[in-house]
Amino acid sequence: MITWQEFKDIFLNGTWRQNSSLVQILGMCPLLAMTTTLVNGAMLSLATILVMALSGLVVSLLRNLIPYEIRIPVFILIAAALVTMVDLGMNAFMHDMYLILGIFIPLIITNCIVLARIEVFAAKQSPLQSFFDGAFMGTGMLWTLSLLGGIRELIGNGTLFSGIEAVVPSLHHLQLLPESYPGFMLAVLPPGAFILLGCLIATKNWIEARAAARAKLPPPTPANAAGCH
């Protein structure tokens, strides 16, 4: 079983406190290469969520059966098997998006955050906790890459949800800026991703600094009761 407080802590750690992109700075290859649009970043993140959640669950279930000396190769094999399943499933049911994401789906296995959470968390915690830890760590990656991809796409091309047709054929992207917009090439290049990622990290740090400063402020003094008579 998992308590509400444990669930809340796992959720906050994965999506905010230990965010893989903004705090741990892991998975830079997909972040730089696949966040040129919101849809690309979101779809790769969703595939990663599936791998992380299932690998955490499987490793936690088998952790007492895996010899300590060979745990890392076994963990990698488990994650690789799940990545292969996701890769084949996307090829079968979302072929157009599969072609767009290309080699970055198999490369999920090389993402440091996958093996790190298996070793640090799933190998020591209960199956349910491990499942949610993987899912919420992936969710932190999902909102970060989606936001970064949306910003880059909007600044770079003036559109949003470009490529959504590959996921839902009945939908179409939004042209938010005039079609005469010339675009800003830096935003869709890797240096632009670095700059915007730095801005997101700075924003997160500013929000946390503001929250910490508020927490240290003394409580407001009550109004003078004499004035109420």
Protein backbone atom coordinates (compact mmCIF):
# COMPACT_ATOMS: atom_id res chain seq x y z
CA MET A 1 0.00 0.00 0.00
CA ILE A 2 0.96 3.63 -0.43
CA THR A 3 -0.14 6.47 1.82
CA TRP A 4 -1.42 9.81 0.55
CA GLN A 5 1.68 11.58 1.86
CA GLU A 6 3.98 9.13 0.08
CA PHE A 7 1.98 9.56 -3.15
CA LYS A 8 2.16 13.36 -2.79
CA ASP A 9 5.92 13.31 -2.17
CA ILE A 10 6.53 11.03 -5.18
CA PHE A 11 4.38 13.30 -7.37
CA LEU A 12 6.11 16.52 -6.27
CA ASN A 13 9.59 14.98 -6.52
CA GLY A 14 8.99 13.73 -10.05
CA THR A 15 7.21 16.73 -11.50
CA TRP A 16 8.97 19.57 -9.67
CA ARG A 17 11.55 19.05 -6.91
CA GLN A 18 13.72 16.53 -8.80
CA ASN A 19 12.56 17.34 -12.31
CA SER A 20 14.85 15.41 -14.65
CA SER A 21 15.28 18.31 -17.09
CA LEU A 22 15.30 21.35 -14.78
CA VAL A 23 17.05 19.96 -11.69
CA GLN A 24 18.94 16.79 -12.57
CA ILE A 25 19.72 18.03 -16.11
CA LEU A 26 19.41 14.54 -17.62
CA GLY A 27 18.26 13.46 -21.06
CA MET A 28 19.82 16.36 -22.95
CA CYS A 29 19.90 14.52 -26.30
CA PRO A 30 16.10 14.22 -26.72
CA LEU A 31 15.65 17.64 -25.18
CA LEU A 32 17.86 19.30 -27.80
CA ALA A 33 16.80 17.22 -30.78
CA MET A 34 13.08 16.54 -30.31
CA THR A 35 11.68 19.72 -28.75
CA THR A 36 11.51 21.61 -32.03
CA THR A 37 7.72 21.24 -31.71
CA LEU A 38 5.34 20.69 -28.81
CA VAL A 39 3.97 17.45 -30.29
CA ASN A 40 7.39 15.87 -30.80
CA GLY A 41 8.49 16.62 -27.25
CA ALA A 42 5.21 15.39 -25.78
CA MET A 43 5.11 12.13 -27.73
CA LEU A 44 8.69 11.18 -26.92
CA SER A 45 7.98 11.99 -23.26
CA LEU A 46 4.85 9.82 -23.26
CA ALA A 47 6.89 6.90 -24.61
CA THR A 48 9.45 7.52 -21.85
CA ILE A 49 6.71 7.62 -19.18
CA LEU A 50 5.50 4.19 -20.29
CA VAL A 51 9.00 2.72 -20.17
CA MET A 52 9.87 4.27 -16.81
CA ALA A 53 6.62 3.30 -15.09
CA LEU A 54 6.69 -0.31 -16.31
CA SER A 55 10.41 -0.80 -15.74
CA GLY A 56 10.07 0.50 -12.18
CA LEU A 57 7.19 -1.88 -11.56
CA VAL A 58 8.94 -4.93 -13.04
CA VAL A 59 12.25 -4.28 -11.27
CA SER A 60 10.51 -3.78 -7.94
CA LEU A 61 8.63 -7.05 -8.34
CA LEU A 62 11.83 -8.94 -9.21
CA ARG A 63 14.32 -7.10 -7.00
CA ASN A 64 14.63 -9.92 -4.45
CA LEU A 65 15.31 -12.45 -7.22
CA ILE A 66 18.06 -10.46 -8.97
CA PRO A 67 21.60 -11.10 -7.64
CA TYR A 68 23.23 -7.87 -6.52
CA GLU A 69 26.37 -8.46 -8.60
CA ILE A 70 24.51 -8.56 -11.93
CA ARG A 71 21.70 -6.11 -11.14
CA ILE A 72 22.81 -3.41 -13.62
CA PRO A 73 22.87 -5.70 -16.72
CA VAL A 74 19.52 -7.16 -15.68
CA PHE A 75 18.02 -3.70 -15.17
CA ILE A 76 19.24 -2.66 -18.62
CA LEU A 77 17.78 -5.80 -20.22
CA ILE A 78 14.39 -5.19 -18.59
CA ALA A 79 14.32 -1.56 -19.73
CA ALA A 80 15.54 -2.52 -23.23
CA ALA A 81 12.76 -5.11 -23.57
CA LEU A 82 10.15 -2.49 -22.64
CA VAL A 83 11.66 0.07 -25.02
CA THR A 84 11.47 -2.52 -27.81
CA MET A 85 7.79 -3.11 -27.05
CA VAL A 86 7.07 0.63 -27.14
CA ASP A 87 9.08 0.99 -30.35
CA LEU A 88 7.19 -1.83 -32.10
CA GLY A 89 3.83 -0.61 -30.80
CA MET A 90 4.40 2.92 -32.05
CA ASN A 91 5.57 1.59 -35.40
CA ALA A 92 2.37 -0.45 -35.69
CA PHE A 93 -0.22 2.04 -34.45
CA MET A 94 1.37 5.50 -34.94
CA HIS A 95 3.65 4.94 -37.89
CA ASP A 96 3.83 8.58 -39.02
CA MET A 97 4.91 9.73 -35.57
CA TYR A 98 7.27 6.76 -35.37
CA LEU A 99 9.03 8.02 -38.50
CA ILE A 100 9.31 11.52 -37.01
CA LEU A 101 10.79 10.39 -33.69
CA GLY A 102 13.05 7.91 -35.47
CA ILE A 103 16.10 6.70 -33.56
CA PHE A 104 15.12 8.59 -30.41
CA ILE A 105 12.60 5.92 -29.40
CA PRO A 106 15.24 3.13 -29.14
CA LEU A 107 17.58 5.65 -27.51
CA ILE A 108 15.23 5.92 -24.52
CA ILE A 109 17.26 3.05 -23.06
CA THR A 110 20.33 5.31 -23.00
CA ASN A 111 18.50 8.06 -21.11
CA CYS A 112 20.27 8.29 -17.76
CA ILE A 113 17.05 9.01 -15.88
CA VAL A 114 15.62 5.56 -16.72
CA LEU A 115 18.46 3.53 -15.22
CA ALA A 116 18.95 6.05 -12.41
CA ARG A 117 15.39 5.69 -11.10
CA ILE A 118 15.54 1.91 -11.38
CA GLU A 119 18.77 1.76 -9.36
CA VAL A 120 17.97 4.50 -6.84
CA PHE A 121 14.26 3.90 -6.26
CA ALA A 122 12.66 0.83 -7.86
CA ALA A 123 15.32 -1.58 -6.60
CA LYS A 124 14.53 -0.56 -3.00
CA GLN A 125 10.82 0.32 -2.88
CA SER A 126 7.45 -1.39 -3.28
CA PRO A 127 5.99 -2.06 -6.75
CA LEU A 128 3.25 0.56 -6.46
CA GLN A 129 5.65 3.26 -5.27
CA SER A 130 8.10 2.34 -8.04
CA PHE A 131 5.38 2.48 -10.69
CA PHE A 132 4.28 5.97 -9.62
CA ASP A 133 7.86 7.17 -9.26
CA GLY A 134 8.61 6.22 -12.87
CA ALA A 135 5.32 7.67 -14.11
CA PHE A 136 5.76 11.01 -12.33
CA MET A 137 9.44 11.34 -13.21
CA GLY A 138 8.33 10.91 -16.80
CA THR A 139 5.52 13.42 -16.24
CA GLY A 140 8.09 15.98 -15.14
CA MET A 141 9.91 15.36 -18.39
CA LEU A 142 6.59 15.56 -20.27
CA TRP A 143 5.57 19.04 -19.15
CA THR A 144 9.12 20.37 -19.45
CA LEU A 145 9.72 19.09 -22.98
CA SER A 146 6.20 20.07 -24.07
CA LEU A 147 6.60 23.60 -22.75
CA LEU A 148 10.07 23.95 -24.25
CA GLY A 149 8.88 22.53 -27.57
CA GLY A 150 5.85 24.83 -27.63
CA ILE A 151 7.98 27.91 -26.97
CA ARG A 152 10.55 26.93 -29.60
CA GLU A 153 7.85 26.14 -32.16
CA LEU A 154 5.98 29.39 -31.55
CA ILE A 155 9.07 31.59 -31.69
CA GLY A 156 10.69 29.65 -34.51
CA ASN A 157 7.72 29.09 -36.84
CA GLY A 158 4.75 30.96 -35.40
CA THR A 159 2.73 27.73 -35.04
CA LEU A 160 1.60 25.41 -32.27
CA PHE A 161 0.82 21.67 -32.36
CA SER A 162 2.62 21.23 -35.65
CA GLY A 163 2.64 17.52 -36.52
CA ILE A 164 -0.50 16.71 -34.52
CA GLU A 165 -1.89 15.20 -37.74
CA ALA A 166 0.54 12.30 -37.27
CA VAL A 167 -1.13 11.50 -33.95
CA VAL A 168 -4.77 12.46 -34.58
CA PRO A 169 -5.41 12.80 -38.35
CA SER A 170 -8.57 14.87 -37.83
CA LEU A 171 -6.70 17.65 -36.00
CA HIS A 172 -4.56 20.41 -37.51
CA HIS A 173 -1.89 22.71 -36.16
CA LEU A 174 -2.59 26.28 -35.12
CA GLN A 175 -1.10 29.24 -36.99
CA LEU A 176 -0.80 31.73 -34.13
CA LEU A 177 1.40 34.26 -35.87
CA PRO A 178 0.76 35.67 -39.36
CA GLU A 179 1.80 33.42 -42.23
CA SER A 180 4.15 36.19 -43.32
CA TYR A 181 6.13 35.67 -40.10
CA PRO A 182 9.69 34.93 -41.27
CA GLY A 183 10.50 32.69 -38.32
CA PHE A 184 13.40 32.83 -35.90
CA MET A 185 15.88 30.13 -36.83
CA LEU A 186 17.84 30.23 -33.55
CA ALA A 187 14.79 28.99 -31.63
CA VAL A 188 14.61 25.70 -33.54
CA LEU A 189 18.36 25.04 -33.42
CA PRO A 190 20.11 23.34 -30.46
CA PRO A 191 21.63 26.63 -29.18
CA GLY A 192 18.10 28.00 -28.90
CA ALA A 193 17.09 24.98 -26.84
CA PHE A 194 20.02 25.61 -24.48
CA ILE A 195 19.08 29.27 -24.06
CA LEU A 196 15.40 28.58 -23.45
CA LEU A 197 16.20 25.70 -21.09
CA GLY A 198 18.39 28.08 -19.10
CA CYS A 199 15.45 30.51 -18.91
CA LEU A 200 13.16 27.73 -17.63
CA ILE A 201 15.71 26.70 -15.00
CA ALA A 202 16.12 30.32 -13.91
CA THR A 203 12.33 30.71 -13.70
CA LYS A 204 12.01 27.59 -11.54
CA ASN A 205 14.78 28.78 -9.23
CA TRP A 206 13.13 32.21 -8.96
CA ILE A 207 9.77 30.65 -8.06
CA GLU A 208 11.38 28.50 -5.38
CA ALA A 209 13.38 31.45 -4.02
CA ARG A 210 10.19 33.53 -3.78
CA ALA A 211 8.39 30.70 -2.02
CA ALA A 212 11.27 30.27 0.43
CA ALA A 213 11.34 34.01 1.12
CA ARG A 214 7.60 34.04 1.80
CA ALA A 215 7.95 31.09 4.17
CA LYS A 216 10.49 33.04 6.25
CA LEU A 217 8.30 36.15 6.58
CA PRO A 218 6.68 36.66 9.99
CA PRO A 219 2.90 36.20 10.08
CA PRO A 220 0.93 39.42 9.53
CA THR A 221 0.06 41.23 12.74
CA PRO A 222 -3.65 41.31 13.55
CA ALA A 223 -5.52 44.58 13.15
CA ASN A 224 -5.78 46.76 16.25
CA ALA A 225 -8.86 45.57 18.07
CA ALA A 226 -9.39 49.03 19.57
CA GLY A 227 -10.36 50.38 16.19
CA CYS A 228 -13.34 48.03 16.05
CA HIS A 229 -15.11 49.44 19.11
